[in-house]
Amino acid sequence: MAGSPPWYSVGPWPAVLLVAALALVEHAAHAQESTSEMLVRVAPSVVQIRAGEDAVGTGFVYPTRRHVTTAYSVVNRDGALTVVLAGGKLAPARVVAWSEADDLAILELPVA
């Protein structure tokens, strides 16, 4: 993963602003929701990431269900990347964007 991907050439702010905007929209849509209700609702979007046979970290699935955000340090390893989705389903993943300096990576899942 040498070099920076094209999306990072403008810095991390577009990604940060996008995540913040999505969080605000999501919060507004569920403003009356309790913390426990929110945790039950969002838990399926949290995934485990494996490199080879080792569980190496976690991430969260975008609403599109095709992309996962995780830490660069999680995916900067040897071995094929596999995402363990809610319910235990395994999906191969590949890194499509990253920033080593910000410890951020975006994975792409195959079309279901």
N, C-alpha and C. Protein backbone atom coordinates (compact mmCIF):
# COMPACT_ATOMS: atom_id res chain seq x y z
N MET A 1 0.83 -1.19 0.00
CA MET A 1 0.00 0.00 0.00
C MET A 1 0.87 1.25 0.00
N ALA A 2 1.82 1.31 -0.90
CA ALA A 2 2.71 2.46 -0.96
C ALA A 2 1.99 3.65 -1.54
N GLY A 3 2.32 4.81 -1.02
CA GLY A 3 1.74 6.05 -1.53
C GLY A 3 0.36 6.31 -0.99
N SER A 4 -0.16 7.48 -1.30
CA SER A 4 -1.50 7.85 -0.85
C SER A 4 -2.50 7.65 -1.97
N PRO A 5 -3.70 7.21 -1.64
CA PRO A 5 -4.73 7.07 -2.67
C PRO A 5 -5.18 8.46 -3.14
N PRO A 6 -5.76 8.54 -4.32
CA PRO A 6 -6.15 9.84 -4.88
C PRO A 6 -7.09 10.65 -3.98
N TRP A 7 -8.02 10.00 -3.29
CA TRP A 7 -8.97 10.76 -2.47
C TRP A 7 -8.29 11.48 -1.34
N TYR A 8 -7.12 11.02 -0.91
CA TYR A 8 -6.45 11.63 0.22
C TYR A 8 -5.65 12.86 -0.17
N SER A 9 -5.47 13.11 -1.44
CA SER A 9 -4.63 14.22 -1.88
C SER A 9 -5.16 15.57 -1.40
N VAL A 10 -6.43 15.66 -1.08
CA VAL A 10 -7.01 16.91 -0.58
C VAL A 10 -7.04 16.94 0.94
N GLY A 11 -6.46 15.95 1.58
CA GLY A 11 -6.45 15.88 3.04
C GLY A 11 -7.62 15.07 3.56
N PRO A 12 -7.65 14.86 4.87
CA PRO A 12 -8.68 14.01 5.46
C PRO A 12 -10.02 14.70 5.66
N TRP A 13 -10.11 16.02 5.47
CA TRP A 13 -11.32 16.74 5.85
C TRP A 13 -12.57 16.34 5.10
N PRO A 14 -12.54 16.04 3.80
CA PRO A 14 -13.79 15.59 3.17
C PRO A 14 -14.37 14.34 3.84
N ALA A 15 -13.52 13.38 4.18
CA ALA A 15 -14.00 12.17 4.85
C ALA A 15 -14.54 12.48 6.23
N VAL A 16 -13.84 13.33 6.97
CA VAL A 16 -14.27 13.71 8.32
C VAL A 16 -15.61 14.43 8.26
N LEU A 17 -15.76 15.36 7.33
CA LEU A 17 -17.01 16.09 7.20
C LEU A 17 -18.16 15.18 6.78
N LEU A 18 -17.88 14.23 5.89
CA LEU A 18 -18.92 13.30 5.47
C LEU A 18 -19.40 12.46 6.65
N VAL A 19 -18.49 11.92 7.43
CA VAL A 19 -18.87 11.11 8.59
C VAL A 19 -19.66 11.95 9.59
N ALA A 20 -19.21 13.19 9.84
CA ALA A 20 -19.93 14.06 10.77
C ALA A 20 -21.34 14.37 10.26
N ALA A 21 -21.47 14.63 8.96
CA ALA A 21 -22.80 14.92 8.39
C ALA A 21 -23.72 13.71 8.50
N LEU A 22 -23.19 12.53 8.19
CA LEU A 22 -24.00 11.32 8.31
C LEU A 22 -24.45 11.10 9.76
N ALA A 23 -23.56 11.36 10.71
CA ALA A 23 -23.90 11.19 12.13
C ALA A 23 -25.00 12.17 12.54
N LEU A 24 -24.93 13.40 12.06
CA LEU A 24 -25.97 14.39 12.40
C LEU A 24 -27.31 14.02 11.81
N VAL A 25 -27.33 13.57 10.57
CA VAL A 25 -28.58 13.16 9.93
C VAL A 25 -29.17 11.97 10.68
N GLU A 26 -28.33 11.00 11.00
CA GLU A 26 -28.79 9.81 11.72
C GLU A 26 -29.32 10.20 13.10
N HIS A 27 -28.63 11.11 13.80
CA HIS A 27 -29.08 11.53 15.12
C HIS A 27 -30.43 12.24 15.04
N ALA A 28 -30.60 13.11 14.06
CA ALA A 28 -31.86 13.83 13.91
C ALA A 28 -33.01 12.88 13.62
N ALA A 29 -32.74 11.83 12.88
CA ALA A 29 -33.80 10.88 12.53
C ALA A 29 -34.24 10.05 13.72
N HIS A 30 -33.38 9.93 14.72
CA HIS A 30 -33.68 9.08 15.88
C HIS A 30 -33.51 9.84 17.19
N ALA A 31 -33.87 11.12 17.22
CA ALA A 31 -33.63 11.98 18.38
C ALA A 31 -34.34 11.49 19.64
N GLN A 32 -35.47 10.84 19.53
CA GLN A 32 -36.22 10.39 20.69
C GLN A 32 -35.78 9.01 21.19
N GLU A 33 -34.80 8.44 20.57
CA GLU A 33 -34.35 7.09 20.87
C GLU A 33 -33.46 7.07 22.12
N SER A 34 -33.62 6.07 22.97
CA SER A 34 -32.76 5.92 24.14
C SER A 34 -31.42 5.35 23.72
N THR A 35 -30.44 5.43 24.59
CA THR A 35 -29.11 4.91 24.29
C THR A 35 -29.16 3.41 24.02
N SER A 36 -29.91 2.66 24.84
CA SER A 36 -29.98 1.22 24.63
C SER A 36 -30.67 0.88 23.31
N GLU A 37 -31.69 1.65 22.94
CA GLU A 37 -32.36 1.43 21.65
C GLU A 37 -31.40 1.70 20.49
N MET A 38 -30.58 2.76 20.64
CA MET A 38 -29.61 3.09 19.60
C MET A 38 -28.58 1.98 19.46
N LEU A 39 -28.09 1.44 20.57
CA LEU A 39 -27.10 0.38 20.52
C LEU A 39 -27.64 -0.87 19.83
N VAL A 40 -28.88 -1.22 20.12
CA VAL A 40 -29.50 -2.37 19.46
C VAL A 40 -29.61 -2.13 17.96
N ARG A 41 -29.95 -0.89 17.57
CA ARG A 41 -30.12 -0.56 16.16
C ARG A 41 -28.81 -0.57 15.39
N VAL A 42 -27.73 -0.06 15.99
CA VAL A 42 -26.47 0.07 15.25
C VAL A 42 -25.54 -1.13 15.39
N ALA A 43 -25.78 -2.01 16.34
CA ALA A 43 -24.90 -3.16 16.56
C ALA A 43 -24.63 -3.98 15.31
N PRO A 44 -25.61 -4.22 14.42
CA PRO A 44 -25.32 -5.00 13.22
C PRO A 44 -24.32 -4.34 12.26
N SER A 45 -24.07 -3.05 12.41
CA SER A 45 -23.11 -2.39 11.52
C SER A 45 -21.67 -2.53 12.00
N VAL A 46 -21.47 -3.05 13.20
CA VAL A 46 -20.12 -3.26 13.73
C VAL A 46 -19.64 -4.64 13.29
N VAL A 47 -18.44 -4.68 12.71
CA VAL A 47 -17.91 -5.92 12.15
C VAL A 47 -16.53 -6.22 12.72
N GLN A 48 -16.14 -7.48 12.62
CA GLN A 48 -14.79 -7.90 12.99
C GLN A 48 -13.99 -8.05 11.69
N ILE A 49 -12.72 -7.69 11.76
CA ILE A 49 -11.86 -7.82 10.59
C ILE A 49 -10.75 -8.80 10.91
N ARG A 50 -10.54 -9.73 9.99
CA ARG A 50 -9.50 -10.75 10.14
C ARG A 50 -8.47 -10.61 9.02
N ALA A 51 -7.23 -10.84 9.38
CA ALA A 51 -6.15 -10.92 8.39
C ALA A 51 -5.60 -12.33 8.52
N GLY A 52 -5.81 -13.14 7.51
CA GLY A 52 -5.46 -14.56 7.62
C GLY A 52 -6.38 -15.21 8.62
N GLU A 53 -5.84 -15.90 9.59
CA GLU A 53 -6.65 -16.58 10.62
C GLU A 53 -6.85 -15.74 11.87
N ASP A 54 -6.17 -14.60 11.97
CA ASP A 54 -6.20 -13.78 13.18
C ASP A 54 -7.25 -12.69 13.12
N ALA A 55 -8.01 -12.54 14.20
CA ALA A 55 -8.91 -11.39 14.34
C ALA A 55 -8.01 -10.22 14.73
N VAL A 56 -8.05 -9.17 13.92
CA VAL A 56 -7.11 -8.08 14.14
C VAL A 56 -7.76 -6.76 14.49
N GLY A 57 -9.06 -6.65 14.36
CA GLY A 57 -9.70 -5.38 14.69
C GLY A 57 -11.17 -5.38 14.37
N THR A 58 -11.73 -4.19 14.44
CA THR A 58 -13.15 -3.99 14.17
C THR A 58 -13.31 -2.83 13.20
N GLY A 59 -14.52 -2.67 12.72
CA GLY A 59 -14.85 -1.56 11.84
C GLY A 59 -16.35 -1.40 11.83
N PHE A 60 -16.83 -0.48 11.00
CA PHE A 60 -18.27 -0.33 10.85
C PHE A 60 -18.63 -0.25 9.38
N VAL A 61 -19.79 -0.81 9.07
CA VAL A 61 -20.27 -0.88 7.70
C VAL A 61 -21.03 0.40 7.36
N TYR A 62 -20.77 0.95 6.18
CA TYR A 62 -21.52 2.10 5.67
C TYR A 62 -22.94 1.65 5.35
N PRO A 63 -23.87 2.59 5.28
CA PRO A 63 -25.24 2.22 4.91
C PRO A 63 -25.35 1.52 3.56
N THR A 64 -24.40 1.73 2.66
CA THR A 64 -24.44 1.06 1.36
C THR A 64 -24.21 -0.43 1.50
N ARG A 65 -23.66 -0.86 2.64
CA ARG A 65 -23.33 -2.26 2.94
C ARG A 65 -22.22 -2.81 2.03
N ARG A 66 -21.50 -1.93 1.35
CA ARG A 66 -20.39 -2.39 0.50
C ARG A 66 -19.04 -1.89 1.01
N HIS A 67 -19.04 -0.96 1.96
CA HIS A 67 -17.79 -0.39 2.44
C HIS A 67 -17.72 -0.44 3.96
N VAL A 68 -16.50 -0.63 4.44
CA VAL A 68 -16.24 -0.72 5.88
C VAL A 68 -15.14 0.29 6.21
N THR A 69 -15.33 1.04 7.28
CA THR A 69 -14.30 1.94 7.79
C THR A 69 -13.60 1.25 8.95
N THR A 70 -12.29 1.31 8.95
CA THR A 70 -11.50 0.71 10.01
C THR A 70 -10.20 1.48 10.15
N ALA A 71 -9.33 1.01 11.01
CA ALA A 71 -8.02 1.63 11.20
C ALA A 71 -7.02 1.05 10.19
N TYR A 72 -6.14 1.88 9.68
CA TYR A 72 -5.11 1.43 8.76
C TYR A 72 -4.23 0.37 9.42
N SER A 73 -3.97 0.53 10.71
CA SER A 73 -3.13 -0.43 11.43
C SER A 73 -3.77 -1.82 11.48
N VAL A 74 -5.08 -1.90 11.31
CA VAL A 74 -5.78 -3.18 11.28
C VAL A 74 -5.52 -3.91 9.96
N VAL A 75 -5.48 -3.17 8.86
CA VAL A 75 -5.37 -3.81 7.54
C VAL A 75 -3.95 -3.82 6.98
N ASN A 76 -3.03 -3.17 7.62
CA ASN A 76 -1.64 -3.13 7.14
C ASN A 76 -0.91 -4.36 7.66
N ARG A 77 -1.34 -5.54 7.20
CA ARG A 77 -0.81 -6.83 7.65
C ARG A 77 -0.77 -7.79 6.48
N ASP A 78 -0.04 -8.88 6.68
CA ASP A 78 -0.02 -9.94 5.68
C ASP A 78 -1.28 -10.78 5.82
N GLY A 79 -1.72 -11.35 4.74
CA GLY A 79 -2.87 -12.25 4.77
C GLY A 79 -4.08 -11.61 4.13
N ALA A 80 -4.95 -12.45 3.63
CA ALA A 80 -6.19 -11.98 3.01
C ALA A 80 -7.09 -11.38 4.08
N LEU A 81 -7.78 -10.33 3.74
CA LEU A 81 -8.70 -9.68 4.68
C LEU A 81 -10.09 -10.29 4.55
N THR A 82 -10.68 -10.60 5.70
CA THR A 82 -12.03 -11.12 5.76
C THR A 82 -12.80 -10.31 6.79
N VAL A 83 -14.03 -9.96 6.46
CA VAL A 83 -14.90 -9.24 7.39
C VAL A 83 -15.95 -10.22 7.90
N VAL A 84 -16.11 -10.25 9.22
CA VAL A 84 -17.15 -11.07 9.84
C VAL A 84 -18.34 -10.16 10.09
N LEU A 85 -19.39 -10.36 9.31
CA LEU A 85 -20.59 -9.53 9.39
C LEU A 85 -21.50 -10.00 10.52
N ALA A 86 -22.51 -9.20 10.81
CA ALA A 86 -23.51 -9.58 11.81
C ALA A 86 -24.09 -10.93 11.42
N GLY A 87 -24.28 -11.81 12.37
CA GLY A 87 -24.79 -13.14 12.10
C GLY A 87 -23.69 -14.13 11.76
N GLY A 88 -22.43 -13.67 11.69
CA GLY A 88 -21.31 -14.57 11.47
C GLY A 88 -20.93 -14.81 10.02
N LYS A 89 -21.64 -14.19 9.08
CA LYS A 89 -21.31 -14.38 7.66
C LYS A 89 -19.93 -13.78 7.38
N LEU A 90 -19.11 -14.53 6.59
CA LEU A 90 -17.78 -14.08 6.23
C LEU A 90 -17.80 -13.47 4.83
N ALA A 91 -17.08 -12.36 4.65
CA ALA A 91 -17.00 -11.72 3.34
C ALA A 91 -15.56 -11.29 3.09
N PRO A 92 -15.01 -11.62 1.92
CA PRO A 92 -13.67 -11.14 1.59
C PRO A 92 -13.71 -9.62 1.42
N ALA A 93 -12.60 -8.97 1.71
CA ALA A 93 -12.55 -7.52 1.58
C ALA A 93 -11.22 -7.10 0.98
N ARG A 94 -11.25 -5.92 0.35
CA ARG A 94 -10.00 -5.36 -0.16
C ARG A 94 -9.94 -3.89 0.23
N VAL A 95 -8.73 -3.40 0.45
CA VAL A 95 -8.52 -2.00 0.81
C VAL A 95 -8.65 -1.15 -0.46
N VAL A 96 -9.52 -0.13 -0.40
CA VAL A 96 -9.70 0.75 -1.56
C VAL A 96 -9.21 2.17 -1.31
N ALA A 97 -9.02 2.54 -0.05
CA ALA A 97 -8.49 3.87 0.29
C ALA A 97 -7.90 3.81 1.69
N TRP A 98 -6.89 4.63 1.93
CA TRP A 98 -6.27 4.62 3.25
C TRP A 98 -5.47 5.88 3.48
N SER A 99 -5.23 6.16 4.75
CA SER A 99 -4.32 7.20 5.18
C SER A 99 -3.53 6.63 6.35
N GLU A 100 -2.28 6.32 6.09
CA GLU A 100 -1.43 5.79 7.16
C GLU A 100 -1.25 6.82 8.26
N ALA A 101 -1.10 8.09 7.88
CA ALA A 101 -0.89 9.17 8.86
C ALA A 101 -2.08 9.32 9.81
N ASP A 102 -3.30 9.10 9.30
CA ASP A 102 -4.51 9.24 10.12
C ASP A 102 -5.01 7.92 10.66
N ASP A 103 -4.31 6.82 10.35
CA ASP A 103 -4.70 5.47 10.77
C ASP A 103 -6.16 5.19 10.39
N LEU A 104 -6.45 5.40 9.10
CA LEU A 104 -7.81 5.23 8.58
C LEU A 104 -7.75 4.43 7.29
N ALA A 105 -8.68 3.48 7.13
CA ALA A 105 -8.76 2.70 5.90
C ALA A 105 -10.21 2.42 5.56
N ILE A 106 -10.47 2.32 4.25
CA ILE A 106 -11.79 1.97 3.74
C ILE A 106 -11.65 0.64 2.99
N LEU A 107 -12.48 -0.32 3.38
CA LEU A 107 -12.51 -1.62 2.72
C LEU A 107 -13.74 -1.70 1.83
N GLU A 108 -13.62 -2.49 0.77
CA GLU A 108 -14.77 -2.74 -0.11
C GLU A 108 -15.14 -4.22 0.00
N LEU A 109 -16.43 -4.47 0.15
CA LEU A 109 -16.96 -5.83 0.20
C LEU A 109 -17.53 -6.18 -1.16
N PRO A 110 -17.59 -7.46 -1.51
CA PRO A 110 -18.17 -7.85 -2.80
C PRO A 110 -19.67 -7.56 -2.82
N VAL A 111 -20.20 -7.41 -4.02
CA VAL A 111 -21.65 -7.19 -4.18
C VAL A 111 -22.36 -8.47 -3.75
N ALA A 112 -23.36 -8.31 -2.90
CA ALA A 112 -24.09 -9.49 -2.40
C ALA A 112 -25.07 -10.01 -3.42
